[in-house]
Protein backbone atom coordinates (compact mmCIF):
# COMPACT_ATOMS: atom_id res chain seq x y z
CA UNK A 1 18.81 12.76 -9.49
CA UNK A 2 21.90 11.67 -7.55
CA UNK A 3 23.57 14.02 -5.10
CA UNK A 4 26.05 13.85 -2.22
CA UNK A 5 24.46 14.16 1.20
CA UNK A 6 26.64 17.22 1.87
CA UNK A 7 24.92 19.02 -1.06
CA UNK A 8 21.37 18.63 0.33
CA UNK A 9 19.35 21.71 1.20
CA UNK A 10 17.59 21.85 4.58
CA UNK A 11 14.32 19.91 4.31
CA UNK A 12 15.47 17.75 1.41
CA UNK A 13 15.23 13.98 1.61
CA UNK A 14 16.47 10.97 -0.33
CA UNK A 15 17.57 7.36 -0.27
CA UNK A 16 21.20 6.36 0.26
CA UNK A 17 22.64 4.63 -2.83
CA UNK A 18 26.27 4.10 -1.83
CA UNK A 19 28.88 4.96 0.78
CA UNK A 20 32.44 5.69 -0.36
CA UNK A 21 35.57 5.82 1.77
CA UNK A 22 37.77 3.12 3.18
CA UNK A 23 38.55 1.43 6.46
CA UNK A 24 37.54 3.07 9.72
CA UNK A 25 35.43 5.91 8.30
CA UNK A 26 33.31 3.60 6.12
CA UNK A 27 32.89 1.13 9.00
CA UNK A 28 31.90 3.98 11.34
CA UNK A 29 29.24 5.25 8.93
CA UNK A 30 27.83 1.74 8.52
CA UNK A 31 27.78 1.27 12.32
CA UNK A 32 25.74 4.49 12.63
CA UNK A 33 23.16 3.15 10.17
CA UNK A 34 24.32 5.04 7.09
CA UNK A 35 23.79 2.14 4.67
CA UNK A 36 22.43 1.79 1.12
CA UNK A 37 18.63 1.75 1.03
CA UNK A 38 18.14 3.89 4.15
CA UNK A 39 15.99 7.02 3.85
CA UNK A 40 17.63 10.25 4.98
CA UNK A 41 16.25 13.75 5.69
CA UNK A 42 18.39 16.87 6.25
CA UNK A 43 17.03 18.59 9.38
CA UNK A 44 19.57 21.32 10.11
CA UNK A 45 22.83 22.80 8.93
CA UNK A 46 25.21 24.74 11.19
CA UNK A 47 25.70 28.44 10.34
CA UNK A 48 29.02 27.77 8.60
CA UNK A 49 27.74 24.58 6.94
CA UNK A 50 29.52 22.07 9.16
CA UNK A 51 28.19 19.89 10.79
CA UNK A 52 24.80 18.81 9.44
CA UNK A 53 21.98 17.07 11.32
CA UNK A 54 20.02 14.34 9.55
CA UNK A 55 17.15 12.04 10.44
CA UNK A 56 17.98 8.45 9.62
CA UNK A 57 16.14 5.28 10.72
CA UNK A 58 13.96 7.29 13.16
CA UNK A 59 16.81 8.99 15.01
CA UNK A 60 18.82 12.19 14.64
CA UNK A 61 22.47 11.95 13.62
CA UNK A 62 25.06 14.69 13.26
CA UNK A 63 27.72 14.27 10.57
CA UNK A 64 30.74 16.30 9.58
CA UNK A 65 30.71 17.68 6.05
CA UNK A 66 33.67 15.43 5.18
CA UNK A 67 31.62 12.38 6.23
CA UNK A 68 28.53 13.55 4.34
CA UNK A 69 30.70 13.95 1.20
CA UNK A 70 31.14 10.17 1.17
CA UNK A 71 27.39 9.41 1.00
CA UNK A 72 25.76 9.32 -2.45
CA UNK A 73 21.97 9.55 -2.48
CA UNK A 74 19.01 9.51 -4.83
CA UNK A 75 17.06 12.71 -4.12
CA UNK A 76 13.29 12.49 -3.64
CA UNK A 77 11.38 15.06 -5.64
């Protein structure tokens, strides 16, 4: 099942399939390791839902909801 990273529930994990966006934002996500094939796990979500904290490539990364909306994943069941 495919889902945007911003739609994950806490504790859910998956594999990144694609990263949308253009220019600086896409480049920034790639530079942080958000690339197709990487496994991702949603660790925490702020009380109002923004930002989210994920584990990616053995480190913790905090993303804005607008950035997480650009990441399409395949959810692990």
